[in-house]
C-alpha atoms as a PDB file:
ATOM      1  CA  MET A   1    -160.436  49.185  80.020  1.00  0.00           C
ATOM      2  CA  GLU A   2    -157.671  51.528  79.089  1.00  0.00           C
ATOM      3  CA  ARG A   3    -154.469  49.920  77.617  1.00  0.00           C
ATOM      4  CA  ARG A   4    -152.400  52.977  77.017  1.00  0.00           C
ATOM      5  CA  ILE A   5    -148.811  52.710  78.268  1.00  0.00           C
ATOM      6  CA  ASN A   6    -147.299  55.928  76.749  1.00  0.00           C
ATOM      7  CA  GLN A   7    -148.033  59.532  77.569  1.00  0.00           C
ATOM      8  CA  ARG A   8    -150.158  61.287  74.924  1.00  0.00           C
ATOM      9  CA  ALA A   9    -151.192  64.776  74.236  1.00  0.00           C
ATOM     10  CA  ARG A  10    -153.892  66.599  72.438  1.00  0.00           C
ATOM     11  CA  THR A  11    -152.350  68.575  69.532  1.00  0.00           C
ATOM     12  CA  ASP A  12    -152.999  70.013  66.063  1.00  0.00           C
ATOM     13  CA  PHE A  13    -150.684  69.559  63.129  1.00  0.00           C
ATOM     14  CA  GLY A  14    -150.779  68.405  59.470  1.00  0.00           C
ATOM     15  CA  VAL A  15    -150.413  64.792  58.505  1.00  0.00           C
ATOM     16  CA  ILE A  16    -150.369  63.152  55.044  1.00  0.00           C
ATOM     17  CA  ALA A  17    -151.648  59.678  55.104  1.00  0.00           C
ATOM     18  CA  SER A  18    -150.678  57.620  52.058  1.00  0.00           C
ATOM     19  CA  GLU A  19    -151.472  54.184  50.740  1.00  0.00           C
ATOM     20  CA  GLY A  20    -149.814  53.365  47.434  1.00  0.00           C
ATOM     21  CA  ILE A  21    -150.504  56.327  45.050  1.00  0.00           C
ATOM     22  CA  TYR A  22    -153.411  57.749  47.172  1.00  0.00           C
ATOM     23  CA  GLU A  23    -152.810  60.536  49.659  1.00  0.00           C
ATOM     24  CA  SER A  24    -155.117  62.126  52.186  1.00  0.00           C
ATOM     25  CA  VAL A  25    -154.362  65.397  53.970  1.00  0.00           C
ATOM     26  CA  CYS A  26    -155.462  65.109  57.628  1.00  0.00           C
ATOM     27  CA  ARG A  27    -154.970  66.746  61.029  1.00  0.00           C
ATOM     28  CA  GLY A  28    -153.192  65.133  63.851  1.00  0.00           C
ATOM     29  CA  ILE A  29    -155.300  65.653  66.969  1.00  0.00           C
ATOM     30  CA  GLU A  30    -153.778  63.288  69.562  1.00  0.00           C
ATOM     31  CA  ILE A  31    -150.374  61.623  69.570  1.00  0.00           C
ATOM     32  CA  SER A  32    -147.981  59.445  71.602  1.00  0.00           C
ATOM     33  CA  THR A  33    -144.796  57.614  70.651  1.00  0.00           C
ATOM     34  CA  SER A  34    -146.887  54.508  69.798  1.00  0.00           C
ATOM     35  CA  GLY A  35    -149.997  55.890  68.111  1.00  0.00           C
ATOM     36  CA  ILE A  36    -151.808  58.848  66.616  1.00  0.00           C
ATOM     37  CA  VAL A  37    -155.489  59.975  66.117  1.00  0.00           C
ATOM     38  CA  LEU A  38    -156.156  61.716  62.862  1.00  0.00           C
ATOM     39  CA  ASP A  39    -159.160  63.914  61.972  1.00  0.00           C
ATOM     40  CA  ARG A  40    -159.744  63.259  58.225  1.00  0.00           C
ATOM     41  CA  GLY A  41    -162.056  66.163  57.873  1.00  0.00           C
ATOM     42  CA  ARG A  42    -164.826  63.792  56.504  1.00  0.00           C
ATOM     43  CA  GLU A  43    -166.389  60.493  57.444  1.00  0.00           C
ATOM     44  CA  VAL A  44    -164.012  57.591  57.372  1.00  0.00           C
ATOM     45  CA  VAL A  45    -164.711  55.433  54.356  1.00  0.00           C
ATOM     46  CA  GLU A  46    -163.786  51.874  53.322  1.00  0.00           C
ATOM     47  CA  GLU A  47    -160.679  53.049  51.459  1.00  0.00           C
ATOM     48  CA  ASP A  48    -159.437  54.518  54.790  1.00  0.00           C
ATOM     49  CA  LYS A  49    -159.401  51.126  56.413  1.00  0.00           C
ATOM     50  CA  ARG A  50    -156.504  49.523  54.475  1.00  0.00           C
ATOM     51  CA  LEU A  51    -153.969  47.343  56.309  1.00  0.00           C
ATOM     52  CA  PHE A  52    -151.033  49.770  56.441  1.00  0.00           C
ATOM     53  CA  PHE A  53    -150.560  53.487  55.743  1.00  0.00           C
ATOM     54  CA  GLY A  54    -147.421  55.668  55.396  1.00  0.00           C
ATOM     55  CA  LEU A  55    -147.762  58.804  57.562  1.00  0.00           C
ATOM     56  CA  GLU A  56    -145.829  62.032  57.017  1.00  0.00           C
ATOM     57  CA  ILE A  57    -146.163  63.876  60.333  1.00  0.00           C
ATOM     58  CA  CYS A  58    -145.444  67.563  60.293  1.00  0.00           C
ATOM     59  CA  LEU A  59    -144.832  68.709  63.867  1.00  0.00           C
ATOM     60  CA  PRO A  60    -144.983  72.517  64.286  1.00  0.00           C
ATOM     61  CA  GLU A  61    -141.577  72.634  66.084  1.00  0.00           C
ATOM     62  CA  ARG A  62    -139.719  70.634  63.420  1.00  0.00           C
ATOM     63  CA  HIS A  63    -138.658  71.750  59.914  1.00  0.00           C
ATOM     64  CA  ALA A  64    -138.602  68.249  58.419  1.00  0.00           C
ATOM     65  CA  ALA A  65    -141.487  65.827  58.429  1.00  0.00           C
ATOM     66  CA  LEU A  66    -141.357  62.606  60.486  1.00  0.00           C
ATOM     67  CA  PHE A  67    -142.189  59.350  58.686  1.00  0.00           C
ATOM     68  CA  ALA A  68    -144.049  56.276  60.017  1.00  0.00           C
ATOM     69  CA  VAL A  69    -145.761  53.079  58.929  1.00  0.00           C
ATOM     70  CA  ALA A  70    -149.022  52.627  60.771  1.00  0.00           C
ATOM     71  CA  ARG A  71    -152.087  50.459  60.861  1.00  0.00           C
ATOM     72  CA  PRO A  72    -155.677  51.548  61.556  1.00  0.00           C
ATOM     73  CA  VAL A  73    -157.006  50.545  65.033  1.00  0.00           C
ATOM     74  CA  TRP A  74    -160.461  52.189  65.234  1.00  0.00           C
ATOM     75  CA  HIS A  75    -162.533  54.977  63.730  1.00  0.00           C
ATOM     76  CA  PHE A  76    -165.544  57.032  64.710  1.00  0.00           C
ATOM     77  CA  GLY A  77    -167.105  59.682  62.487  1.00  0.00           C
ATOM     78  CA  SER A  78    -164.141  61.648  60.917  1.00  0.00           C
ATOM     79  CA  GLN A  79    -161.566  60.437  63.481  1.00  0.00           C
ATOM     80  CA  GLN A  80    -159.266  57.447  62.929  1.00  0.00           C
ATOM     81  CA  ALA A  81    -156.666  55.989  65.289  1.00  0.00           C
ATOM     82  CA  PHE A  82    -153.419  54.395  64.165  1.00  0.00           C
ATOM     83  CA  ARG A  83    -150.856  52.224  65.844  1.00  0.00           C
ATOM     84  CA  ILE A  84    -147.376  53.187  64.767  1.00  0.00           C
ATOM     85  CA  ILE A  85    -145.709  50.080  63.454  1.00  0.00           C
ATOM     86  CA  GLU A  86    -142.409  51.366  62.174  1.00  0.00           C
ATOM     87  CA  MET A  87    -140.612  54.685  62.862  1.00  0.00           C
ATOM     88  CA  SER A  88    -137.047  55.620  63.492  1.00  0.00           C
ATOM     89  CA  ASP A  89    -135.864  56.064  67.026  1.00  0.00           C
ATOM     90  CA  VAL A  90    -135.059  59.698  66.308  1.00  0.00           C
ATOM     91  CA  ASP A  91    -138.575  60.422  65.062  1.00  0.00           C
ATOM     92  CA  ARG A  92    -139.999  58.623  68.150  1.00  0.00           C
ATOM     93  CA  LEU A  93    -137.828  60.937  70.310  1.00  0.00           C
ATOM     94  CA  ASN A  94    -139.166  63.986  68.418  1.00  0.00           C
ATOM     95  CA  ILE A  95    -142.685  62.856  69.178  1.00  0.00           C
ATOM     96  CA  ALA A  96    -141.831  62.399  72.856  1.00  0.00           C
ATOM     97  CA  GLU A  97    -140.498  65.961  72.891  1.00  0.00           C
ATOM     98  CA  HIS A  98    -143.626  67.202  71.275  1.00  0.00           C
ATOM     99  CA  VAL A  99    -145.765  65.433  73.876  1.00  0.00           C
ATOM    100  CA  ASP A 100    -143.650  67.056  76.673  1.00  0.00           C
ATOM    101  CA  LEU A 101    -144.029  70.482  75.117  1.00  0.00           C
ATOM    102  CA  ARG A 102    -147.779  70.018  74.899  1.00  0.00           C
ATOM    103  CA  ARG A 103    -147.881  68.701  78.440  1.00  0.00           C
ATOM    104  CA  GLN A 104    -146.185  71.842  79.718  1.00  0.00           C
ATOM    105  CA  GLY A 105    -148.863  73.883  77.825  1.00  0.00           C
ATOM    106  CA  GLY A 106    -151.729  72.039  79.595  1.00  0.00           C
ATOM    107  CA  ALA A 107    -152.771  69.637  76.699  1.00  0.00           C
ATOM    108  CA  TRP A 108    -151.639  66.472  78.390  1.00  0.00           C
ATOM    109  CA  LEU A 109    -153.827  63.336  78.532  1.00  0.00           C
ATOM    110  CA  SER A 110    -153.197  60.402  80.829  1.00  0.00           C
END
């Protein structure tokens, strides 16, 4: 059963996932205003399953990074999905605009 309520889009941009002093450079491959799927470039390991992560999201059409606090929801292979717990309204609006741009380019998912 699908529980998605926000529009999402396939995409490709850099993300830095951090937990304490540890940082991991990832690729954002799917995004909505409420969540993101990252490709870690390797198998997800136990250290990638912490309770909360800081995400630095580098959208291609923005000069400054967006910041979020997120929690892991699921993982499969090298992909890991996160639910965005805390993010400024301005950053959520920037993500919504990114989804709209990707939708116009044919990368929209229901």
